PDB file of N, CA and C in Angstrom:
ATOM      1  N   UNK A   1      -9.789  22.893  -5.181  1.00  0.00           N
ATOM      2  CA  UNK A   1     -10.297  22.303  -4.533  1.00  0.00           C
ATOM      3  C   UNK A   1     -10.042  21.168  -5.438  1.00  0.00           C
ATOM      4  N   UNK A   2      -9.629  19.786  -5.424  1.00  0.00           N
ATOM      5  CA  UNK A   2      -9.044  18.352  -5.598  1.00  0.00           C
ATOM      6  C   UNK A   2      -9.662  17.422  -5.199  1.00  0.00           C
ATOM      7  N   UNK A   3      -9.962  15.792  -5.923  1.00  0.00           N
ATOM      8  CA  UNK A   3     -10.232  15.046  -5.912  1.00  0.00           C
ATOM      9  C   UNK A   3      -9.466  13.635  -5.680  1.00  0.00           C
ATOM     10  N   UNK A   4      -9.541  12.645  -4.789  1.00  0.00           N
ATOM     11  CA  UNK A   4      -8.957  11.599  -4.748  1.00  0.00           C
ATOM     12  C   UNK A   4      -8.768  10.998  -6.463  1.00  0.00           C
ATOM     13  N   UNK A   5      -7.545  10.157  -6.471  1.00  0.00           N
ATOM     14  CA  UNK A   5      -7.302  10.036  -7.773  1.00  0.00           C
ATOM     15  C   UNK A   5      -8.249   7.771  -7.415  1.00  0.00           C
ATOM     16  N   UNK A   6      -8.415   7.919  -6.351  1.00  0.00           N
ATOM     17  CA  UNK A   6      -8.822   7.107  -5.896  1.00  0.00           C
ATOM     18  C   UNK A   6     -10.524   6.442  -6.235  1.00  0.00           C
ATOM     19  N   UNK A   7     -11.640   7.678  -4.926  1.00  0.00           N
ATOM     20  CA  UNK A   7     -12.618   7.386  -5.005  1.00  0.00           C
ATOM     21  C   UNK A   7     -13.718   8.036  -5.310  1.00  0.00           C
ATOM     22  N   UNK A   8     -12.919   9.375  -6.410  1.00  0.00           N
ATOM     23  CA  UNK A   8     -13.250  10.660  -6.746  1.00  0.00           C
ATOM     24  C   UNK A   8     -13.941  11.943  -5.818  1.00  0.00           C
ATOM     25  N   UNK A   9     -13.508  10.865  -4.679  1.00  0.00           N
ATOM     26  CA  UNK A   9     -14.535  12.575  -3.380  1.00  0.00           C
ATOM     27  C   UNK A   9     -13.509  13.610  -3.457  1.00  0.00           C
ATOM     28  N   UNK A  10     -14.228  14.920  -3.621  1.00  0.00           N
ATOM     29  CA  UNK A  10     -13.837  16.147  -3.165  1.00  0.00           C
ATOM     30  C   UNK A  10     -12.738  16.344  -1.948  1.00  0.00           C
ATOM     31  N   UNK A  11     -12.247  16.493  -1.954  1.00  0.00           N
ATOM     32  CA  UNK A  11     -10.603  16.802  -0.573  1.00  0.00           C
ATOM     33  C   UNK A  11     -10.837  18.220  -1.305  1.00  0.00           C
ATOM     34  N   UNK A  12     -10.941  18.835   0.746  1.00  0.00           N
ATOM     35  CA  UNK A  12     -10.937  19.688   1.057  1.00  0.00           C
ATOM     36  C   UNK A  12      -9.934  20.219   1.893  1.00  0.00           C
ATOM     37  N   UNK A  13      -9.572  21.588   1.931  1.00  0.00           N
ATOM     38  CA  UNK A  13      -8.585  21.676   2.370  1.00  0.00           C
ATOM     39  C   UNK A  13      -8.257  22.813   2.989  1.00  0.00           C
ATOM     40  N   UNK A  14      -8.464  23.225   4.002  1.00  0.00           N
ATOM     41  CA  UNK A  14      -8.161  24.796   4.613  1.00  0.00           C
ATOM     42  C   UNK A  14      -6.933  25.829   4.173  1.00  0.00           C
ATOM     43  N   UNK A  15      -6.989  26.776   3.857  1.00  0.00           N
ATOM     44  CA  UNK A  15      -6.149  27.307   2.932  1.00  0.00           C
ATOM     45  C   UNK A  15      -5.027  27.127   3.854  1.00  0.00           C
ATOM     46  N   UNK A  16      -5.267  27.807   5.865  1.00  0.00           N
ATOM     47  CA  UNK A  16      -3.885  27.477   6.298  1.00  0.00           C
ATOM     48  C   UNK A  16      -3.356  26.541   5.825  1.00  0.00           C
ATOM     49  N   UNK A  17      -4.046  25.432   5.602  1.00  0.00           N
ATOM     50  CA  UNK A  17      -2.868  24.310   5.515  1.00  0.00           C
ATOM     51  C   UNK A  17      -2.826  23.892   4.678  1.00  0.00           C
ATOM     52  N   UNK A  18      -2.180  24.216   3.654  1.00  0.00           N
ATOM     53  CA  UNK A  18      -2.734  24.481   2.793  1.00  0.00           C
ATOM     54  C   UNK A  18      -1.113  24.677   2.138  1.00  0.00           C
ATOM     55  N   UNK A  19      -0.910  26.304   2.664  1.00  0.00           N
ATOM     56  CA  UNK A  19       0.602  27.012   3.433  1.00  0.00           C
ATOM     57  C   UNK A  19       1.422  26.136   3.489  1.00  0.00           C
ATOM     58  N   UNK A  20       0.855  25.345   4.351  1.00  0.00           N
ATOM     59  CA  UNK A  20       2.132  25.185   4.418  1.00  0.00           C
ATOM     60  C   UNK A  20       2.572  23.505   4.465  1.00  0.00           C
ATOM     61  N   UNK A  21       1.907  23.278   3.588  1.00  0.00           N
ATOM     62  CA  UNK A  21       1.906  21.362   2.212  1.00  0.00           C
ATOM     63  C   UNK A  21       2.841  21.941   1.479  1.00  0.00           C
ATOM     64  N   UNK A  22       4.113  20.699   0.965  1.00  0.00           N
ATOM     65  CA  UNK A  22       4.382  20.384   0.353  1.00  0.00           C
ATOM     66  C   UNK A  22       4.475  19.754  -1.033  1.00  0.00           C
ATOM     67  N   UNK A  23       4.634  20.087  -1.927  1.00  0.00           N
ATOM     68  CA  UNK A  23       4.616  18.670  -3.127  1.00  0.00           C
ATOM     69  C   UNK A  23       5.047  17.478  -2.713  1.00  0.00           C
ATOM     70  N   UNK A  24       4.591  16.465  -2.745  1.00  0.00           N
ATOM     71  CA  UNK A  24       5.315  15.272  -1.796  1.00  0.00           C
ATOM     72  C   UNK A  24       4.728  14.711  -0.343  1.00  0.00           C
ATOM     73  N   UNK A  25       4.087  15.877  -0.279  1.00  0.00           N
ATOM     74  CA  UNK A  25       3.978  15.743   1.515  1.00  0.00           C
ATOM     75  C   UNK A  25       2.707  14.709   1.334  1.00  0.00           C
ATOM     76  N   UNK A  26       2.555  13.547   2.493  1.00  0.00           N
ATOM     77  CA  UNK A  26       0.821  12.357   2.432  1.00  0.00           C
ATOM     78  C   UNK A  26       0.253  12.771   2.627  1.00  0.00           C
ATOM     79  N   UNK A  27      -1.306  12.289   2.013  1.00  0.00           N
ATOM     80  CA  UNK A  27      -2.547  12.511   2.536  1.00  0.00           C
ATOM     81  C   UNK A  27      -3.272  11.906   3.333  1.00  0.00           C
ATOM     82  N   UNK A  28      -4.134  11.910   3.349  1.00  0.00           N
ATOM     83  CA  UNK A  28      -5.572  10.613   3.623  1.00  0.00           C
ATOM     84  C   UNK A  28      -6.703  10.755   3.186  1.00  0.00           C
ATOM     85  N   UNK A  29      -7.016   9.979   1.858  1.00  0.00           N
ATOM     86  CA  UNK A  29      -8.559  10.543   2.301  1.00  0.00           C
ATOM     87  C   UNK A  29      -9.661  10.740   3.365  1.00  0.00           C
ATOM     88  N   UNK A  30     -10.056  11.123   3.064  1.00  0.00           N
ATOM     89  CA  UNK A  30     -11.658  10.975   4.138  1.00  0.00           C
ATOM     90  C   UNK A  30     -12.527   9.917   3.698  1.00  0.00           C
ATOM     91  N   UNK A  31     -12.369  10.048   2.638  1.00  0.00           N
ATOM     92  CA  UNK A  31     -13.405   8.931   1.406  1.00  0.00           C
ATOM     93  C   UNK A  31     -13.496   7.457   1.730  1.00  0.00           C
ATOM     94  N   UNK A  32     -11.460   7.494   1.209  1.00  0.00           N
ATOM     95  CA  UNK A  32     -11.308   5.358   1.061  1.00  0.00           C
ATOM     96  C   UNK A  32      -9.904   5.220   2.078  1.00  0.00           C
ATOM     97  N   UNK A  33      -9.472   6.513   2.709  1.00  0.00           N
ATOM     98  CA  UNK A  33      -9.086   6.113   3.477  1.00  0.00           C
ATOM     99  C   UNK A  33      -7.085   5.621   2.856  1.00  0.00           C
ATOM    100  N   UNK A  34      -7.077   5.704   1.751  1.00  0.00           N
ATOM    101  CA  UNK A  34      -5.934   5.647   0.412  1.00  0.00           C
ATOM    102  C   UNK A  34      -4.917   6.952   1.030  1.00  0.00           C
ATOM    103  N   UNK A  35      -3.659   6.498   1.184  1.00  0.00           N
ATOM    104  CA  UNK A  35      -2.717   7.422   1.830  1.00  0.00           C
ATOM    105  C   UNK A  35      -2.568   8.651   0.221  1.00  0.00           C
ATOM    106  N   UNK A  36      -2.708   9.344   0.143  1.00  0.00           N
ATOM    107  CA  UNK A  36      -1.738  10.062  -0.932  1.00  0.00           C
ATOM    108  C   UNK A  36      -0.807  10.679  -0.659  1.00  0.00           C
ATOM    109  N   UNK A  37      -0.404  11.106  -2.034  1.00  0.00           N
ATOM    110  CA  UNK A  37       0.841  12.947  -2.024  1.00  0.00           C
ATOM    111  C   UNK A  37       0.543  13.427  -2.836  1.00  0.00           C
ATOM    112  N   UNK A  38       0.471  14.672  -2.773  1.00  0.00           N
ATOM    113  CA  UNK A  38       0.543  15.629  -3.338  1.00  0.00           C
ATOM    114  C   UNK A  38       1.246  16.487  -4.176  1.00  0.00           C
ATOM    115  N   UNK A  39       0.950  16.136  -5.203  1.00  0.00           N
ATOM    116  CA  UNK A  39       1.061  16.225  -6.625  1.00  0.00           C
ATOM    117  C   UNK A  39       1.702  17.483  -6.918  1.00  0.00           C
ATOM    118  N   UNK A  40       0.671  18.396  -6.701  1.00  0.00           N
ATOM    119  CA  UNK A  40       0.825  19.784  -7.262  1.00  0.00           C
ATOM    120  C   UNK A  40       0.218  20.684  -6.793  1.00  0.00           C
ATOM    121  N   UNK A  41       0.558  21.752  -5.449  1.00  0.00           N
ATOM    122  CA  UNK A  41       0.187  22.552  -5.663  1.00  0.00           C
ATOM    123  C   UNK A  41      -1.201  23.768  -5.876  1.00  0.00           C
ATOM    124  N   UNK A  42      -0.851  24.234  -7.133  1.00  0.00           N
ATOM    125  CA  UNK A  42      -1.497  25.089  -7.216  1.00  0.00           C
ATOM    126  C   UNK A  42      -1.958  24.675  -9.174  1.00  0.00           C
ATOM    127  N   UNK A  43      -2.318  24.484  -9.438  1.00  0.00           N
ATOM    128  CA  UNK A  43      -4.240  23.897  -9.060  1.00  0.00           C
ATOM    129  C   UNK A  43      -3.376  22.614  -7.754  1.00  0.00           C
ATOM    130  N   UNK A  44      -3.835  21.776  -7.086  1.00  0.00           N
ATOM    131  CA  UNK A  44      -4.458  20.848  -6.045  1.00  0.00           C
ATOM    132  C   UNK A  44      -4.400  20.226  -6.059  1.00  0.00           C
ATOM    133  N   UNK A  45      -3.686  18.810  -6.641  1.00  0.00           N
ATOM    134  CA  UNK A  45      -3.828  17.297  -7.242  1.00  0.00           C
ATOM    135  C   UNK A  45      -3.062  16.791  -6.583  1.00  0.00           C
ATOM    136  N   UNK A  46      -3.361  15.469  -6.548  1.00  0.00           N
ATOM    137  CA  UNK A  46      -3.383  14.646  -5.668  1.00  0.00           C
ATOM    138  C   UNK A  46      -2.800  12.933  -6.415  1.00  0.00           C
ATOM    139  N   UNK A  47      -2.205  11.792  -6.061  1.00  0.00           N
ATOM    140  CA  UNK A  47      -1.027  10.890  -6.956  1.00  0.00           C
ATOM    141  C   UNK A  47      -1.428  10.080  -5.893  1.00  0.00           C
ATOM    142  N   UNK A  48      -1.916   8.614  -6.197  1.00  0.00           N
ATOM    143  CA  UNK A  48      -1.918   8.053  -5.528  1.00  0.00           C
ATOM    144  C   UNK A  48       0.000   7.230  -4.863  1.00  0.00           C
ATOM    145  N   UNK A  49      -0.174   7.255  -3.233  1.00  0.00           N
ATOM    146  CA  UNK A  49       1.311   6.494  -2.815  1.00  0.00           C
ATOM    147  C   UNK A  49       1.686   5.647  -3.298  1.00  0.00           C
ATOM    148  N   UNK A  50       1.927   5.475  -4.184  1.00  0.00           N
ATOM    149  CA  UNK A  50       3.063   3.953  -4.641  1.00  0.00           C
ATOM    150  C   UNK A  50       3.834   3.642  -3.489  1.00  0.00           C
ATOM    151  N   UNK A  51       4.201   4.359  -3.091  1.00  0.00           N
ATOM    152  CA  UNK A  51       5.527   3.422  -2.113  1.00  0.00           C
ATOM    153  C   UNK A  51       4.707   2.315  -0.713  1.00  0.00           C
ATOM    154  N   UNK A  52       3.558   2.993  -0.382  1.00  0.00           N
ATOM    155  CA  UNK A  52       2.792   2.002   0.541  1.00  0.00           C
ATOM    156  C   UNK A  52       1.919   0.804  -0.292  1.00  0.00           C
ATOM    157  N   UNK A  53       1.706   0.999  -1.259  1.00  0.00           N
ATOM    158  CA  UNK A  53       1.670  -0.326  -2.367  1.00  0.00           C
ATOM    159  C   UNK A  53       2.857  -0.888  -3.006  1.00  0.00           C
ATOM    160  N   UNK A  54       3.514  -0.336  -2.410  1.00  0.00           N
ATOM    161  CA  UNK A  54       5.365  -1.347  -2.441  1.00  0.00           C
ATOM    162  C   UNK A  54       5.479  -2.087  -1.343  1.00  0.00           C
ATOM    163  N   UNK A  55       4.792  -1.150  -0.246  1.00  0.00           N
ATOM    164  CA  UNK A  55       5.019  -2.049   1.207  1.00  0.00           C
ATOM    165  C   UNK A  55       4.292  -3.317   1.292  1.00  0.00           C
ATOM    166  N   UNK A  56       3.055  -2.971   1.434  1.00  0.00           N
ATOM    167  CA  UNK A  56       1.837  -3.959   0.783  1.00  0.00           C
ATOM    168  C   UNK A  56       1.933  -5.303   0.364  1.00  0.00           C
ATOM    169  N   UNK A  57       2.941  -4.742  -0.894  1.00  0.00           N
ATOM    170  CA  UNK A  57       3.536  -6.218  -2.093  1.00  0.00           C
ATOM    171  C   UNK A  57       4.419  -6.804  -1.260  1.00  0.00           C
ATOM    172  N   UNK A  58       5.649  -6.019  -0.423  1.00  0.00           N
ATOM    173  CA  UNK A  58       6.665  -6.631   0.397  1.00  0.00           C
ATOM    174  C   UNK A  58       5.781  -7.728   1.539  1.00  0.00           C
ATOM    175  N   UNK A  59       4.989  -7.148   2.046  1.00  0.00           N
ATOM    176  CA  UNK A  59       4.452  -7.772   3.261  1.00  0.00           C
ATOM    177  C   UNK A  59       3.956  -9.132   2.965  1.00  0.00           C
ATOM    178  N   UNK A  60       2.993  -9.141   1.787  1.00  0.00           N
ATOM    179  CA  UNK A  60       2.277 -10.017   1.423  1.00  0.00           C
ATOM    180  C   UNK A  60       3.030 -11.239   0.662  1.00  0.00           C
ATOM    181  N   UNK A  61       4.048 -10.367   0.068  1.00  0.00           N
ATOM    182  CA  UNK A  61       5.121 -11.144  -0.357  1.00  0.00           C
ATOM    183  C   UNK A  61       6.388 -12.402   0.342  1.00  0.00           C
ATOM    184  N   UNK A  62       5.759 -11.589   1.424  1.00  0.00           N
ATOM    185  CA  UNK A  62       7.090 -12.320   2.874  1.00  0.00           C
ATOM    186  C   UNK A  62       5.974 -12.936   3.189  1.00  0.00           C
ATOM    187  N   UNK A  63       4.688 -13.004   3.730  1.00  0.00           N
ATOM    188  CA  UNK A  63       3.517 -13.856   3.929  1.00  0.00           C
ATOM    189  C   UNK A  63       3.686 -15.126   3.122  1.00  0.00           C
ATOM    190  N   UNK A  64       3.522 -14.890   1.880  1.00  0.00           N
ATOM    191  CA  UNK A  64       3.523 -16.191   0.490  1.00  0.00           C
ATOM    192  C   UNK A  64       5.185 -16.984   0.783  1.00  0.00           C
ATOM    193  N   UNK A  65       6.173 -16.629   0.984  1.00  0.00           N
ATOM    194  CA  UNK A  65       7.719 -17.064   1.441  1.00  0.00           C
ATOM    195  C   UNK A  65       7.480 -17.838   2.578  1.00  0.00           C
ATOM    196  N   UNK A  66       6.599 -17.355   3.411  1.00  0.00           N
ATOM    197  CA  UNK A  66       6.897 -18.775   5.046  1.00  0.00           C
ATOM    198  C   UNK A  66       6.176 -19.376   4.720  1.00  0.00           C
ATOM    199  N   UNK A  67       4.874 -19.480   3.944  1.00  0.00           N
ATOM    200  CA  UNK A  67       3.982 -20.750   3.999  1.00  0.00           C
ATOM    201  C   UNK A  67       4.637 -21.286   2.787  1.00  0.00           C
ATOM    202  N   UNK A  68       5.579 -20.801   1.632  1.00  0.00           N
ATOM    203  CA  UNK A  68       6.428 -21.563   0.858  1.00  0.00           C
ATOM    204  C   UNK A  68       7.111 -22.620   1.505  1.00  0.00           C
ATOM    205  N   UNK A  69       7.631 -22.330   2.573  1.00  0.00           N
ATOM    206  CA  UNK A  69       8.654 -22.447   3.215  1.00  0.00           C
ATOM    207  C   UNK A  69       8.140 -23.641   4.400  1.00  0.00           C
ATOM    208  N   UNK A  70       6.666 -22.893   4.889  1.00  0.00           N
ATOM    209  CA  UNK A  70       6.361 -24.339   5.254  1.00  0.00           C
ATOM    210  C   UNK A  70       5.829 -25.594   4.499  1.00  0.00           C
ATOM    211  N   UNK A  71       5.968 -25.527   3.345  1.00  0.00           N
ATOM    212  CA  UNK A  71       5.190 -26.775   2.354  1.00  0.00           C
ATOM    213  C   UNK A  71       6.735 -27.233   2.277  1.00  0.00           C
ATOM    214  N   UNK A  72       7.697 -25.916   1.806  1.00  0.00           N
ATOM    215  CA  UNK A  72       8.688 -27.452   1.665  1.00  0.00           C
ATOM    216  C   UNK A  72       9.074 -27.763   3.100  1.00  0.00           C
ATOM    217  N   UNK A  73       9.122 -27.497   3.930  1.00  0.00           N
ATOM    218  CA  UNK A  73      10.034 -28.235   4.910  1.00  0.00           C
ATOM    219  C   UNK A  73       9.071 -29.854   5.212  1.00  0.00           C
ATOM    220  N   UNK A  74       7.434 -29.836   4.429  1.00  0.00           N
ATOM    221  CA  UNK A  74       6.908 -30.996   5.019  1.00  0.00           C
ATOM    222  C   UNK A  74       7.413 -31.678   3.784  1.00  0.00           C
ATOM    223  N   UNK A  75       8.419 -31.679   2.492  1.00  0.00           N
ATOM    224  CA  UNK A  75       8.343 -31.998   1.788  1.00  0.00           C
ATOM    225  C   UNK A  75      10.262 -33.223   1.942  1.00  0.00           C
ATOM    226  N   UNK A  76      10.828 -32.111   2.617  1.00  0.00           N
ATOM    227  CA  UNK A  76      11.681 -32.499   3.340  1.00  0.00           C
ATOM    228  C   UNK A  76      11.993 -33.256   3.965  1.00  0.00           C
ATOM    229  N   UNK A  77      10.909 -33.492   5.234  1.00  0.00           N
ATOM    230  CA  UNK A  77      11.040 -34.542   5.830  1.00  0.00           C
ATOM    231  C   UNK A  77      10.756 -35.720   5.726  1.00  0.00           C
ATOM    232  N   UNK A  78      10.048 -36.356   4.740  1.00  0.00           N
ATOM    233  CA  UNK A  78       8.452 -37.579   3.860  1.00  0.00           C
ATOM    234  C   UNK A  78      10.426 -37.976   2.883  1.00  0.00           C
ATOM    235  N   UNK A  79      10.418 -38.900   3.809  1.00  0.00           N
ATOM    236  CA  UNK A  79      12.165 -40.260   3.428  1.00  0.00           C
ATOM    237  C   UNK A  79      10.991 -41.053   2.363  1.00  0.00           C
ATOM    238  N   UNK A  80      10.182 -41.447   2.623  1.00  0.00           N
ATOM    239  CA  UNK A  80       9.712 -41.784   1.809  1.00  0.00           C
ATOM    240  C   UNK A  80       8.900 -43.544   2.723  1.00  0.00           C
ATOM    241  N   UNK A  81       9.728 -43.723   3.933  1.00  0.00           N
ATOM    242  CA  UNK A  81       9.686 -45.086   4.475  1.00  0.00           C
ATOM    243  C   UNK A  81       8.500 -45.325   4.461  1.00  0.00           C
ATOM    244  N   UNK A  82       7.610 -44.752   4.787  1.00  0.00           N
ATOM    245  CA  UNK A  82       5.938 -44.964   5.208  1.00  0.00           C
ATOM    246  C   UNK A  82       5.845 -45.689   4.073  1.00  0.00           C
ATOM    247  N   UNK A  83       6.428 -46.362   3.290  1.00  0.00           N
ATOM    248  CA  UNK A  83       5.435 -46.105   1.671  1.00  0.00           C
ATOM    249  C   UNK A  83       5.620 -47.750   1.871  1.00  0.00           C
ATOM    250  N   UNK A  84       6.795 -47.869   2.192  1.00  0.00           N
ATOM    251  CA  UNK A  84       7.411 -49.586   2.625  1.00  0.00           C
ATOM    252  C   UNK A  84       6.779 -50.479   3.295  1.00  0.00           C
ATOM    253  N   UNK A  85       6.326 -50.125   4.401  1.00  0.00           N
ATOM    254  CA  UNK A  85       4.992 -51.007   5.211  1.00  0.00           C
ATOM    255  C   UNK A  85       4.202 -51.879   4.386  1.00  0.00           C
TER     256      UNK A  85
END
């Protein structure tokens, strides 16, 4: 039996399923829904799936870039003519 590295819940896997698994296979924790990767089979161990975190970081960065882009457009449109009146 193994535990989730995120929430420490015990992860139980049927022996038949365990025979089909390989190191690196993905697994979703029933307790916290974290995406994990099998780190070892004997004894069974899991690691947090860093690839999913990287994808989330890229999505957040992309959203931040979109906001900055919009903010930058406002500055370019302001040519100072409003202040002359």
